[in-house]
Amino acid sequence: MFRRFPVLFLCLAALCLTAPFAWAAPKQEFYFRVLDSHDRLIKDARMEVTPLAGKPEGGPGFSMDKDGVIRLWWLPRGQEAIPGASDQVIRWTSAFHWRISAPGFLAAVGTINRQSTTRTMSDPLLAKLNQDPDTVAHGENVLLRRPEEMFAWDPKAHPPSGPLSQACGKLHLKEARVARRLGASFAWPAFDLKGDTLEIHFDWVGAPWGNQAQAPLTGKVALLTGLPLMIAVGQDLPPLPQVKNLRLVFHSSISPPDDPYAMPTPAQVIMQAPLSEVRRLGQGETGAREFMAAHPPRMEGGPPPAKKPAREAQTAPKPGPPQGKKQP
């Protein structure tokens, strides 16, 4: 019986050598400066986070420090990138949703998703290839606006507590993160009512194509950003008695095709449809292709079309007067 102890000891030692390492998560610092529309610090702002990968130290609520900055330390989630390999490669992910609010201001939302890698080579001769995780602090400026800055209409006609303002405010809060993922952000003012048409204004911040002509820009904005937002608005915007039509306006710019040094000219990609049709699109009762065919996007503004170079007139020589017969 005692002779088996060395064998058991060797098995236990082998198990310990093959057991996974205990990963020490590197701390990642995040900080947020919260400003109003006049670039002044909002000292009573507060942030709430929803973890997606990793977890914060403390929380889930964080307030400002004496410098007017919201700070938090994040412990990222570690995952072995190459399982079973002799070299140890760990991918660290810090991901969370954040929501910052302050009394008298509209809340702002956003998402953080940062990754870094740790690499430890098994061969001591390759130690120079070891890699430490990226722990550089990440900071953002967050702009909070007051409710009256969101609407272009007269607050006496449509007060903040009215159904129109309430519906638009909820839509803004819910779709702000969606719009950012689609390459757009709400413009200010974001909502306007012209007659029975509700306008929602966005700044398009998507990556440009090499060809900034009107047709490619209109198609890209409409298909990649406008149509998904139309579907989202159709799902979340309730029926409003004073609204018959919905118009999405995406503000962008176009450079003249014949002058690479000219300043870009403002342009807007516009998508418009009856609100009832937008709601049918959002509920899946109308297909996207059918909707786009019935309500195609259009562009307003932009530089005038380039002038075509004048072609040289190719004129045949005019025939001369008839010549008489030569006299003998």
C-alpha atoms as a PDB file:
ATOM      1  CA  MET A   1       0.000   0.000   0.000  1.00  0.00           C
ATOM      2  CA  PHE A   2       2.793   2.398   0.878  1.00  0.00           C
ATOM      3  CA  ARG A   3       4.466   1.662  -2.435  1.00  0.00           C
ATOM      4  CA  ARG A   4       1.579   3.386  -4.233  1.00  0.00           C
ATOM      5  CA  PHE A   5       2.265   6.752  -2.589  1.00  0.00           C
ATOM      6  CA  PRO A   6       5.074   7.752  -5.022  1.00  0.00           C
ATOM      7  CA  VAL A   7       2.791   7.003  -7.944  1.00  0.00           C
ATOM      8  CA  LEU A   8      -0.024   9.059  -6.451  1.00  0.00           C
ATOM      9  CA  PHE A   9       2.393  11.871  -5.750  1.00  0.00           C
ATOM     10  CA  LEU A  10       3.618  11.893  -9.340  1.00  0.00           C
ATOM     11  CA  CYS A  11       0.036  11.960 -10.657  1.00  0.00           C
ATOM     12  CA  LEU A  12      -0.813  14.849  -8.359  1.00  0.00           C
ATOM     13  CA  ALA A  13       2.250  16.768  -9.483  1.00  0.00           C
ATOM     14  CA  ALA A  14       1.397  16.222 -13.126  1.00  0.00           C
ATOM     15  CA  LEU A  15      -2.145  17.437 -12.511  1.00  0.00           C
ATOM     16  CA  CYS A  16      -0.861  20.606 -10.874  1.00  0.00           C
ATOM     17  CA  LEU A  17       1.495  21.294 -13.776  1.00  0.00           C
ATOM     18  CA  THR A  18      -1.311  20.947 -16.326  1.00  0.00           C
ATOM     19  CA  ALA A  19      -3.841  22.990 -14.336  1.00  0.00           C
ATOM     20  CA  PRO A  20      -4.684  26.400 -15.802  1.00  0.00           C
ATOM     21  CA  PHE A  21      -2.857  29.434 -14.473  1.00  0.00           C
ATOM     22  CA  ALA A  22      -4.678  31.809 -12.156  1.00  0.00           C
ATOM     23  CA  TRP A  23      -5.010  34.932 -14.276  1.00  0.00           C
ATOM     24  CA  ALA A  24      -4.546  38.228 -12.492  1.00  0.00           C
ATOM     25  CA  ALA A  25      -6.886  40.689 -14.220  1.00  0.00           C
ATOM     26  CA  PRO A  26      -5.202  44.021 -15.016  1.00  0.00           C
ATOM     27  CA  LYS A  27      -7.147  47.042 -13.833  1.00  0.00           C
ATOM     28  CA  GLN A  28      -8.426  49.404 -16.510  1.00  0.00           C
ATOM     29  CA  GLU A  29      -9.235  53.037 -15.659  1.00  0.00           C
ATOM     30  CA  PHE A  30     -12.125  54.868 -17.326  1.00  0.00           C
ATOM     31  CA  TYR A  31     -13.055  58.484 -16.737  1.00  0.00           C
ATOM     32  CA  PHE A  32     -15.810  60.757 -18.042  1.00  0.00           C
ATOM     33  CA  ARG A  33     -16.009  64.556 -18.080  1.00  0.00           C
ATOM     34  CA  VAL A  34     -19.646  65.660 -18.135  1.00  0.00           C
ATOM     35  CA  LEU A  35     -20.335  69.035 -19.785  1.00  0.00           C
ATOM     36  CA  ASP A  36     -23.376  71.093 -20.695  1.00  0.00           C
ATOM     37  CA  SER A  37     -23.989  72.748 -24.070  1.00  0.00           C
ATOM     38  CA  HIS A  38     -21.787  75.700 -22.994  1.00  0.00           C
ATOM     39  CA  ASP A  39     -18.822  73.414 -22.154  1.00  0.00           C
ATOM     40  CA  ARG A  40     -19.295  73.881 -18.431  1.00  0.00           C
ATOM     41  CA  LEU A  41     -18.803  71.034 -15.971  1.00  0.00           C
ATOM     42  CA  ILE A  42     -21.932  69.500 -14.484  1.00  0.00           C
ATOM     43  CA  LYS A  43     -20.814  68.711 -10.957  1.00  0.00           C
ATOM     44  CA  ASP A  44     -23.834  66.714  -9.771  1.00  0.00           C
ATOM     45  CA  ALA A  45     -23.839  64.140 -12.581  1.00  0.00           C
ATOM     46  CA  ARG A  46     -23.975  60.444 -11.789  1.00  0.00           C
ATOM     47  CA  MET A  47     -23.237  57.351 -13.871  1.00  0.00           C
ATOM     48  CA  GLU A  48     -24.721  53.859 -13.782  1.00  0.00           C
ATOM     49  CA  VAL A  49     -23.084  50.928 -15.575  1.00  0.00           C
ATOM     50  CA  THR A  50     -24.368  47.583 -16.828  1.00  0.00           C
ATOM     51  CA  PRO A  51     -21.493  45.079 -17.163  1.00  0.00           C
ATOM     52  CA  LEU A  52     -21.153  43.106 -20.388  1.00  0.00           C
ATOM     53  CA  ALA A  53     -17.646  41.681 -19.918  1.00  0.00           C
ATOM     54  CA  GLY A  54     -15.788  42.060 -16.634  1.00  0.00           C
ATOM     55  CA  LYS A  55     -16.937  43.990 -13.591  1.00  0.00           C
ATOM     56  CA  PRO A  56     -16.264  47.329 -11.893  1.00  0.00           C
ATOM     57  CA  GLU A  57     -14.687  47.946  -8.534  1.00  0.00           C
ATOM     58  CA  GLY A  58     -17.609  49.173  -6.501  1.00  0.00           C
ATOM     59  CA  GLY A  59     -20.691  50.547  -8.176  1.00  0.00           C
ATOM     60  CA  PRO A  60     -22.972  50.061  -9.992  1.00  0.00           C
ATOM     61  CA  GLY A  61     -23.397  53.818  -9.427  1.00  0.00           C
ATOM     62  CA  PHE A  62     -20.536  56.315  -9.648  1.00  0.00           C
ATOM     63  CA  SER A  63     -20.491  60.034  -8.859  1.00  0.00           C
ATOM     64  CA  MET A  64     -18.109  62.873  -9.637  1.00  0.00           C
ATOM     65  CA  ASP A  65     -14.913  63.525  -7.750  1.00  0.00           C
ATOM     66  CA  LYS A  66     -13.604  66.909  -6.635  1.00  0.00           C
ATOM     67  CA  ASP A  67     -12.190  67.536 -10.127  1.00  0.00           C
ATOM     68  CA  GLY A  68     -15.593  67.133 -11.769  1.00  0.00           C
ATOM     69  CA  VAL A  69     -14.741  63.777 -13.355  1.00  0.00           C
ATOM     70  CA  ILE A  70     -16.455  60.408 -12.996  1.00  0.00           C
ATOM     71  CA  ARG A  71     -13.838  57.691 -12.570  1.00  0.00           C
ATOM     72  CA  LEU A  72     -14.086  53.933 -12.264  1.00  0.00           C
ATOM     73  CA  TRP A  73     -11.682  51.027 -12.199  1.00  0.00           C
ATOM     74  CA  TRP A  74     -12.674  48.020 -14.298  1.00  0.00           C
ATOM     75  CA  LEU A  75     -11.582  44.407 -13.932  1.00  0.00           C
ATOM     76  CA  PRO A  76     -11.739  42.940 -17.460  1.00  0.00           C
ATOM     77  CA  ARG A  77     -12.776  39.399 -18.300  1.00  0.00           C
ATOM     78  CA  GLY A  78      -9.925  37.080 -19.250  1.00  0.00           C
ATOM     79  CA  GLN A  79     -10.273  34.359 -21.854  1.00  0.00           C
ATOM     80  CA  GLU A  80      -7.645  32.004 -23.222  1.00  0.00           C
ATOM     81  CA  ALA A  81      -7.252  32.921 -26.877  1.00  0.00           C
ATOM     82  CA  ILE A  82      -5.418  29.737 -27.971  1.00  0.00           C
ATOM     83  CA  PRO A  83      -6.572  26.828 -25.775  1.00  0.00           C
ATOM     84  CA  GLY A  84      -4.057  24.032 -25.360  1.00  0.00           C
ATOM     85  CA  ALA A  85      -1.115  25.994 -26.760  1.00  0.00           C
ATOM     86  CA  SER A  86       2.256  25.962 -25.006  1.00  0.00           C
ATOM     87  CA  ASP A  87       2.373  29.766 -25.146  1.00  0.00           C
ATOM     88  CA  GLN A  88      -0.141  31.516 -22.947  1.00  0.00           C
ATOM     89  CA  VAL A  89      -2.256  34.117 -24.768  1.00  0.00           C
ATOM     90  CA  ILE A  90      -5.004  35.782 -22.747  1.00  0.00           C
ATOM     91  CA  ARG A  91      -7.540  38.184 -24.263  1.00  0.00           C
ATOM     92  CA  TRP A  92      -8.911  40.748 -21.824  1.00  0.00           C
ATOM     93  CA  THR A  93     -12.270  42.394 -22.552  1.00  0.00           C
ATOM     94  CA  SER A  94     -13.781  45.403 -20.815  1.00  0.00           C
ATOM     95  CA  ALA A  95     -17.330  46.041 -22.002  1.00  0.00           C
ATOM     96  CA  PHE A  96     -20.273  47.791 -20.404  1.00  0.00           C
ATOM     97  CA  HIS A  97     -23.222  50.064 -21.072  1.00  0.00           C
ATOM     98  CA  TRP A  98     -23.160  53.412 -19.289  1.00  0.00           C
ATOM     99  CA  ARG A  99     -25.866  55.940 -18.499  1.00  0.00           C
ATOM    100  CA  ILE A 100     -25.043  59.414 -17.158  1.00  0.00           C
ATOM    101  CA  SER A 101     -27.737  61.677 -15.731  1.00  0.00           C
ATOM    102  CA  ALA A 102     -27.990  64.919 -13.796  1.00  0.00           C
ATOM    103  CA  PRO A 103     -30.927  66.894 -12.377  1.00  0.00           C
ATOM    104  CA  GLY A 104     -32.482  69.129 -15.029  1.00  0.00           C
ATOM    105  CA  PHE A 105     -30.723  67.403 -17.951  1.00  0.00           C
ATOM    106  CA  LEU A 106     -31.530  64.624 -20.368  1.00  0.00           C
ATOM    107  CA  ALA A 107     -29.645  61.416 -19.699  1.00  0.00           C
ATOM    108  CA  ALA A 108     -26.899  60.290 -22.083  1.00  0.00           C
ATOM    109  CA  VAL A 109     -26.091  56.660 -22.874  1.00  0.00           C
ATOM    110  CA  GLY A 110     -23.142  54.918 -24.455  1.00  0.00           C
ATOM    111  CA  THR A 111     -21.153  51.700 -24.672  1.00  0.00           C
ATOM    112  CA  ILE A 112     -17.521  50.842 -23.932  1.00  0.00           C
ATOM    113  CA  ASN A 113     -15.889  47.806 -25.553  1.00  0.00           C
ATOM    114  CA  ARG A 114     -12.103  47.585 -25.301  1.00  0.00           C
ATOM    115  CA  GLN A 115      -9.824  44.582 -25.707  1.00  0.00           C
ATOM    116  CA  SER A 116      -6.177  43.899 -24.985  1.00  0.00           C
ATOM    117  CA  THR A 117      -3.950  40.819 -25.042  1.00  0.00           C
ATOM    118  CA  THR A 118      -1.378  39.254 -22.716  1.00  0.00           C
ATOM    119  CA  ARG A 119       1.179  36.896 -24.283  1.00  0.00           C
ATOM    120  CA  THR A 120       3.683  34.793 -22.332  1.00  0.00           C
ATOM    121  CA  MET A 121       6.087  32.676 -24.395  1.00  0.00           C
ATOM    122  CA  SER A 122       6.938  29.222 -23.068  1.00  0.00           C
ATOM    123  CA  ASP A 123      10.473  29.345 -24.463  1.00  0.00           C
ATOM    124  CA  PRO A 124      12.688  31.625 -22.334  1.00  0.00           C
ATOM    125  CA  LEU A 125      14.683  32.511 -25.442  1.00  0.00           C
ATOM    126  CA  LEU A 126      11.550  34.198 -26.852  1.00  0.00           C
ATOM    127  CA  ALA A 127      10.838  36.266 -23.768  1.00  0.00           C
ATOM    128  CA  LYS A 128      11.221  39.439 -25.801  1.00  0.00           C
ATOM    129  CA  LEU A 129       7.973  38.532 -27.549  1.00  0.00           C
ATOM    130  CA  ASN A 130       6.015  38.656 -24.305  1.00  0.00           C
ATOM    131  CA  GLN A 131       3.251  41.238 -24.329  1.00  0.00           C
ATOM    132  CA  ASP A 132       1.637  43.068 -21.445  1.00  0.00           C
ATOM    133  CA  PRO A 133      -2.011  44.153 -21.542  1.00  0.00           C
ATOM    134  CA  ASP A 134      -2.910  47.675 -22.587  1.00  0.00           C
ATOM    135  CA  THR A 135      -3.844  49.478 -19.375  1.00  0.00           C
ATOM    136  CA  VAL A 136      -3.799  53.054 -20.686  1.00  0.00           C
ATOM    137  CA  ALA A 137      -6.660  55.047 -19.193  1.00  0.00           C
ATOM    138  CA  HIS A 138      -9.606  55.719 -21.520  1.00  0.00           C
ATOM    139  CA  GLY A 139     -11.550  58.982 -21.205  1.00  0.00           C
ATOM    140  CA  GLU A 140     -14.556  60.578 -22.892  1.00  0.00           C
ATOM    141  CA  ASN A 141     -16.350  63.910 -22.859  1.00  0.00           C
ATOM    142  CA  VAL A 142     -20.089  63.488 -22.375  1.00  0.00           C
ATOM    143  CA  LEU A 143     -22.488  66.265 -23.328  1.00  0.00           C
ATOM    144  CA  LEU A 144     -25.766  66.597 -21.437  1.00  0.00           C
ATOM    145  CA  ARG A 145     -28.514  68.843 -22.738  1.00  0.00           C
ATOM    146  CA  ARG A 146     -31.600  70.286 -21.172  1.00  0.00           C
ATOM    147  CA  PRO A 147     -35.029  69.152 -22.430  1.00  0.00           C
ATOM    148  CA  GLU A 148     -35.778  72.478 -24.102  1.00  0.00           C
ATOM    149  CA  GLU A 149     -32.683  72.063 -26.299  1.00  0.00           C
ATOM    150  CA  MET A 150     -34.078  68.885 -27.853  1.00  0.00           C
ATOM    151  CA  PHE A 151     -37.217  70.367 -29.400  1.00  0.00           C
ATOM    152  CA  ALA A 152     -37.448  73.064 -32.048  1.00  0.00           C
ATOM    153  CA  TRP A 153     -41.100  73.825 -31.311  1.00  0.00           C
ATOM    154  CA  ASP A 154     -42.549  76.358 -28.911  1.00  0.00           C
ATOM    155  CA  PRO A 155     -42.846  74.806 -25.427  1.00  0.00           C
ATOM    156  CA  LYS A 156     -46.147  76.647 -24.979  1.00  0.00           C
ATOM    157  CA  ALA A 157     -47.623  74.804 -27.952  1.00  0.00           C
ATOM    158  CA  HIS A 158     -46.140  71.446 -26.964  1.00  0.00           C
ATOM    159  CA  PRO A 159     -45.050  71.470 -23.301  1.00  0.00           C
ATOM    160  CA  PRO A 160     -42.416  69.011 -22.053  1.00  0.00           C
ATOM    161  CA  SER A 161     -45.125  67.094 -20.201  1.00  0.00           C
ATOM    162  CA  GLY A 162     -47.289  66.773 -23.333  1.00  0.00           C
ATOM    163  CA  PRO A 163     -47.648  63.502 -25.284  1.00  0.00           C
ATOM    164  CA  LEU A 164     -45.533  64.675 -28.238  1.00  0.00           C
ATOM    165  CA  SER A 165     -42.573  65.800 -26.143  1.00  0.00           C
ATOM    166  CA  GLN A 166     -42.790  62.754 -23.897  1.00  0.00           C
ATOM    167  CA  ALA A 167     -42.861  60.341 -26.851  1.00  0.00           C
ATOM    168  CA  CYS A 168     -39.897  62.053 -28.541  1.00  0.00           C
ATOM    169  CA  GLY A 169     -37.909  62.145 -25.303  1.00  0.00           C
ATOM    170  CA  LYS A 170     -38.371  58.417 -24.751  1.00  0.00           C
ATOM    171  CA  LEU A 171     -37.484  57.739 -28.379  1.00  0.00           C
ATOM    172  CA  HIS A 172     -34.267  59.739 -28.053  1.00  0.00           C
ATOM    173  CA  LEU A 173     -33.178  57.918 -24.919  1.00  0.00           C
ATOM    174  CA  LYS A 174     -33.891  54.489 -26.386  1.00  0.00           C
ATOM    175  CA  GLU A 175     -32.450  55.024 -29.864  1.00  0.00           C
ATOM    176  CA  ALA A 176     -29.349  57.116 -29.034  1.00  0.00           C
ATOM    177  CA  ARG A 177     -27.173  54.020 -28.625  1.00  0.00           C
ATOM    178  CA  VAL A 178     -28.725  52.377 -31.701  1.00  0.00           C
ATOM    179  CA  ALA A 179     -28.092  55.454 -33.850  1.00  0.00           C
ATOM    180  CA  ARG A 180     -24.459  55.592 -32.761  1.00  0.00           C
ATOM    181  CA  ARG A 181     -23.911  51.978 -33.784  1.00  0.00           C
ATOM    182  CA  LEU A 182     -25.415  52.779 -37.171  1.00  0.00           C
ATOM    183  CA  GLY A 183     -23.058  55.712 -37.772  1.00  0.00           C
ATOM    184  CA  ALA A 184     -25.311  58.607 -36.732  1.00  0.00           C
ATOM    185  CA  SER A 185     -26.029  60.772 -33.709  1.00  0.00           C
ATOM    186  CA  PHE A 186     -28.963  62.959 -32.816  1.00  0.00           C
ATOM    187  CA  ALA A 187     -28.572  66.547 -33.986  1.00  0.00           C
ATOM    188  CA  TRP A 188     -29.682  69.506 -31.873  1.00  0.00           C
ATOM    189  CA  PRO A 189     -32.480  70.354 -31.930  1.00  0.00           C
ATOM    190  CA  ALA A 190     -33.376  66.774 -32.734  1.00  0.00           C
ATOM    191  CA  PHE A 191     -37.157  67.066 -33.151  1.00  0.00           C
ATOM    192  CA  ASP A 192     -39.265  69.525 -35.101  1.00  0.00           C
ATOM    193  CA  LEU A 193     -42.928  69.582 -36.120  1.00  0.00           C
ATOM    194  CA  LYS A 194     -43.714  71.194 -39.463  1.00  0.00           C
ATOM    195  CA  GLY A 195     -47.435  71.051 -40.077  1.00  0.00           C
ATOM    196  CA  ASP A 196     -48.366  67.402 -39.602  1.00  0.00           C
ATOM    197  CA  THR A 197     -44.823  66.130 -40.313  1.00  0.00           C
ATOM    198  CA  LEU A 198     -42.509  65.161 -37.473  1.00  0.00           C
ATOM    199  CA  GLU A 199     -38.844  65.705 -38.383  1.00  0.00           C
ATOM    200  CA  ILE A 200     -36.052  63.836 -36.598  1.00  0.00           C
ATOM    201  CA  HIS A 201     -32.591  65.245 -37.302  1.00  0.00           C
ATOM    202  CA  PHE A 202     -29.344  63.257 -37.200  1.00  0.00           C
ATOM    203  CA  ASP A 203     -25.700  64.010 -37.872  1.00  0.00           C
ATOM    204  CA  TRP A 204     -24.341  61.261 -40.090  1.00  0.00           C
ATOM    205  CA  VAL A 205     -20.867  60.329 -38.918  1.00  0.00           C
ATOM    206  CA  GLY A 206     -20.345  57.116 -40.875  1.00  0.00           C
ATOM    207  CA  ALA A 207     -17.099  56.424 -42.676  1.00  0.00           C
ATOM    208  CA  PRO A 208     -17.172  58.026 -46.148  1.00  0.00           C
ATOM    209  CA  TRP A 209     -16.710  56.189 -49.378  1.00  0.00           C
ATOM    210  CA  GLY A 210     -13.958  57.139 -51.753  1.00  0.00           C
ATOM    211  CA  ASN A 211     -16.576  58.464 -54.144  1.00  0.00           C
ATOM    212  CA  GLN A 212     -18.527  61.213 -52.387  1.00  0.00           C
ATOM    213  CA  ALA A 213     -20.973  61.653 -55.240  1.00  0.00           C
ATOM    214  CA  GLN A 214     -24.612  62.198 -54.409  1.00  0.00           C
ATOM    215  CA  ALA A 215     -25.904  58.788 -55.459  1.00  0.00           C
ATOM    216  CA  PRO A 216     -23.411  56.656 -53.421  1.00  0.00           C
ATOM    217  CA  LEU A 217     -23.775  58.851 -50.348  1.00  0.00           C
ATOM    218  CA  THR A 218     -27.572  58.808 -50.539  1.00  0.00           C
ATOM    219  CA  GLY A 219     -27.656  55.040 -50.953  1.00  0.00           C
ATOM    220  CA  LYS A 220     -25.230  54.355 -48.144  1.00  0.00           C
ATOM    221  CA  VAL A 221     -26.942  56.614 -45.628  1.00  0.00           C
ATOM    222  CA  ALA A 222     -30.396  55.309 -46.536  1.00  0.00           C
ATOM    223  CA  LEU A 223     -29.573  51.586 -46.538  1.00  0.00           C
ATOM    224  CA  LEU A 224     -27.081  51.341 -43.669  1.00  0.00           C
ATOM    225  CA  THR A 225     -28.479  53.987 -41.337  1.00  0.00           C
ATOM    226  CA  GLY A 226     -31.840  55.395 -42.437  1.00  0.00           C
ATOM    227  CA  LEU A 227     -33.723  52.153 -43.037  1.00  0.00           C
ATOM    228  CA  PRO A 228     -32.719  50.504 -39.713  1.00  0.00           C
ATOM    229  CA  LEU A 229     -33.664  53.688 -37.849  1.00  0.00           C
ATOM    230  CA  MET A 230     -36.994  53.801 -39.693  1.00  0.00           C
ATOM    231  CA  ILE A 231     -37.679  50.281 -38.465  1.00  0.00           C
ATOM    232  CA  ALA A 232     -36.670  51.200 -34.903  1.00  0.00           C
ATOM    233  CA  VAL A 233     -38.818  54.333 -34.898  1.00  0.00           C
ATOM    234  CA  GLY A 234     -41.760  52.353 -36.287  1.00  0.00           C
ATOM    235  CA  GLN A 235     -41.451  49.975 -33.362  1.00  0.00           C
ATOM    236  CA  ASP A 236     -41.103  52.572 -30.598  1.00  0.00           C
ATOM    237  CA  LEU A 237     -42.989  55.710 -31.682  1.00  0.00           C
ATOM    238  CA  PRO A 238     -46.664  55.488 -30.691  1.00  0.00           C
ATOM    239  CA  PRO A 239     -49.514  56.936 -32.784  1.00  0.00           C
ATOM    240  CA  LEU A 240     -49.710  60.709 -32.270  1.00  0.00           C
ATOM    241  CA  PRO A 241     -52.842  62.653 -33.306  1.00  0.00           C
ATOM    242  CA  GLN A 242     -50.897  65.671 -34.576  1.00  0.00           C
ATOM    243  CA  VAL A 243     -48.393  63.611 -36.599  1.00  0.00           C
ATOM    244  CA  LYS A 244     -49.344  62.197 -40.002  1.00  0.00           C
ATOM    245  CA  ASN A 245     -45.901  61.932 -41.636  1.00  0.00           C
ATOM    246  CA  LEU A 246     -42.409  61.115 -40.424  1.00  0.00           C
ATOM    247  CA  ARG A 247     -39.252  62.591 -41.936  1.00  0.00           C
ATOM    248  CA  LEU A 248     -35.707  61.515 -41.050  1.00  0.00           C
ATOM    249  CA  VAL A 249     -33.058  64.097 -41.966  1.00  0.00           C
ATOM    250  CA  PHE A 250     -29.379  63.061 -41.997  1.00  0.00           C
ATOM    251  CA  HIS A 251     -26.974  65.996 -42.154  1.00  0.00           C
ATOM    252  CA  SER A 252     -23.746  65.378 -44.047  1.00  0.00           C
ATOM    253  CA  SER A 253     -21.536  67.117 -46.610  1.00  0.00           C
ATOM    254  CA  ILE A 254     -20.166  66.540 -50.100  1.00  0.00           C
ATOM    255  CA  SER A 255     -16.977  67.810 -51.697  1.00  0.00           C
ATOM    256  CA  PRO A 256     -17.130  69.009 -55.310  1.00  0.00           C
ATOM    257  CA  PRO A 257     -15.928  66.182 -57.562  1.00  0.00           C
ATOM    258  CA  ASP A 258     -13.908  68.525 -59.802  1.00  0.00           C
ATOM    259  CA  ASP A 259     -12.072  70.414 -57.021  1.00  0.00           C
ATOM    260  CA  PRO A 260     -10.260  68.335 -54.361  1.00  0.00           C
ATOM    261  CA  TYR A 261      -9.297  71.480 -52.406  1.00  0.00           C
ATOM    262  CA  ALA A 262     -12.782  72.980 -52.128  1.00  0.00           C
ATOM    263  CA  MET A 263     -14.623  73.070 -48.819  1.00  0.00           C
ATOM    264  CA  PRO A 264     -17.344  70.416 -48.412  1.00  0.00           C
ATOM    265  CA  THR A 265     -20.873  71.651 -49.025  1.00  0.00           C
ATOM    266  CA  PRO A 266     -23.627  70.762 -46.531  1.00  0.00           C
ATOM    267  CA  ALA A 267     -26.111  68.214 -47.783  1.00  0.00           C
ATOM    268  CA  GLN A 268     -29.019  66.308 -46.288  1.00  0.00           C
ATOM    269  CA  VAL A 269     -30.286  62.819 -47.031  1.00  0.00           C
ATOM    270  CA  ILE A 270     -34.034  62.753 -46.415  1.00  0.00           C
ATOM    271  CA  MET A 271     -36.344  59.801 -45.917  1.00  0.00           C
ATOM    272  CA  GLN A 272     -40.067  60.491 -45.535  1.00  0.00           C
ATOM    273  CA  ALA A 273     -43.180  58.356 -45.283  1.00  0.00           C
ATOM    274  CA  PRO A 274     -46.588  58.438 -43.560  1.00  0.00           C
ATOM    275  CA  LEU A 275     -46.299  57.494 -39.902  1.00  0.00           C
ATOM    276  CA  SER A 276     -48.773  54.671 -40.418  1.00  0.00           C
ATOM    277  CA  GLU A 277     -46.499  53.160 -43.085  1.00  0.00           C
ATOM    278  CA  VAL A 278     -43.472  53.535 -40.825  1.00  0.00           C
ATOM    279  CA  ARG A 279     -45.297  51.702 -38.051  1.00  0.00           C
ATOM    280  CA  ARG A 280     -46.247  48.924 -40.481  1.00  0.00           C
ATOM    281  CA  LEU A 281     -42.568  48.651 -41.423  1.00  0.00           C
ATOM    282  CA  GLY A 282     -41.551  48.440 -37.780  1.00  0.00           C
ATOM    283  CA  GLN A 283     -44.125  45.750 -37.046  1.00  0.00           C
ATOM    284  CA  GLY A 284     -43.006  43.655 -40.006  1.00  0.00           C
ATOM    285  CA  GLU A 285     -46.235  44.112 -41.969  1.00  0.00           C
ATOM    286  CA  THR A 286     -44.340  45.833 -44.809  1.00  0.00           C
ATOM    287  CA  GLY A 287     -41.073  44.579 -46.276  1.00  0.00           C
ATOM    288  CA  ALA A 288     -37.992  46.781 -46.470  1.00  0.00           C
ATOM    289  CA  ARG A 289     -37.730  46.490 -50.243  1.00  0.00           C
ATOM    290  CA  GLU A 290     -41.382  47.387 -50.685  1.00  0.00           C
ATOM    291  CA  PHE A 291     -41.023  50.338 -48.328  1.00  0.00           C
ATOM    292  CA  MET A 292     -37.928  51.703 -50.073  1.00  0.00           C
ATOM    293  CA  ALA A 293     -39.559  51.361 -53.485  1.00  0.00           C
ATOM    294  CA  ALA A 294     -42.611  53.320 -52.345  1.00  0.00           C
ATOM    295  CA  HIS A 295     -40.623  55.942 -50.380  1.00  0.00           C
ATOM    296  CA  PRO A 296     -37.174  56.374 -51.975  1.00  0.00           C
ATOM    297  CA  PRO A 297     -34.632  58.652 -50.261  1.00  0.00           C
ATOM    298  CA  ARG A 298     -33.562  61.942 -51.736  1.00  0.00           C
ATOM    299  CA  MET A 299     -30.760  64.423 -51.248  1.00  0.00           C
ATOM    300  CA  GLU A 300     -30.976  68.153 -50.801  1.00  0.00           C
ATOM    301  CA  GLY A 301     -28.082  70.575 -50.964  1.00  0.00           C
ATOM    302  CA  GLY A 302     -24.551  69.660 -51.927  1.00  0.00           C
ATOM    303  CA  PRO A 303     -22.355  71.208 -54.609  1.00  0.00           C
ATOM    304  CA  PRO A 304     -23.690  71.796 -58.114  1.00  0.00           C
ATOM    305  CA  PRO A 305     -22.876  69.071 -60.631  1.00  0.00           C
ATOM    306  CA  ALA A 306     -19.496  69.334 -62.279  1.00  0.00           C
ATOM    307  CA  LYS A 307     -19.450  71.054 -65.632  1.00  0.00           C
ATOM    308  CA  LYS A 308     -18.543  68.838 -68.515  1.00  0.00           C
ATOM    309  CA  PRO A 309     -15.636  70.098 -70.630  1.00  0.00           C
ATOM    310  CA  ALA A 310     -16.834  71.683 -73.809  1.00  0.00           C
ATOM    311  CA  ARG A 311     -16.104  69.528 -76.787  1.00  0.00           C
ATOM    312  CA  GLU A 312     -14.419  71.117 -79.726  1.00  0.00           C
ATOM    313  CA  ALA A 313     -16.846  71.622 -82.529  1.00  0.00           C
ATOM    314  CA  GLN A 314     -16.130  69.252 -85.296  1.00  0.00           C
ATOM    315  CA  THR A 315     -17.537  70.973 -88.350  1.00  0.00           C
ATOM    316  CA  ALA A 316     -17.112  69.719 -91.839  1.00  0.00           C
ATOM    317  CA  PRO A 317     -15.970  72.238 -94.451  1.00  0.00           C
ATOM    318  CA  LYS A 318     -18.872  73.909 -96.099  1.00  0.00           C
ATOM    319  CA  PRO A 319     -19.237  73.138 -99.770  1.00  0.00           C
ATOM    320  CA  GLY A 320     -18.306  76.053-102.033  1.00  0.00           C
ATOM    321  CA  PRO A 321     -20.425  77.499-104.780  1.00  0.00           C
ATOM    322  CA  PRO A 322     -20.770  75.294-107.876  1.00  0.00           C
ATOM    323  CA  GLN A 323     -17.984  75.875-110.287  1.00  0.00           C
ATOM    324  CA  GLY A 324     -18.716  76.240-113.972  1.00  0.00           C
ATOM    325  CA  LYS A 325     -17.108  74.221-116.666  1.00  0.00           C
ATOM    326  CA  LYS A 326     -13.719  75.340-117.763  1.00  0.00           C
ATOM    327  CA  GLN A 327     -13.635  77.018-121.193  1.00  0.00           C
ATOM    328  CA  PRO A 328     -11.498  75.279-123.698  1.00  0.00           C
END
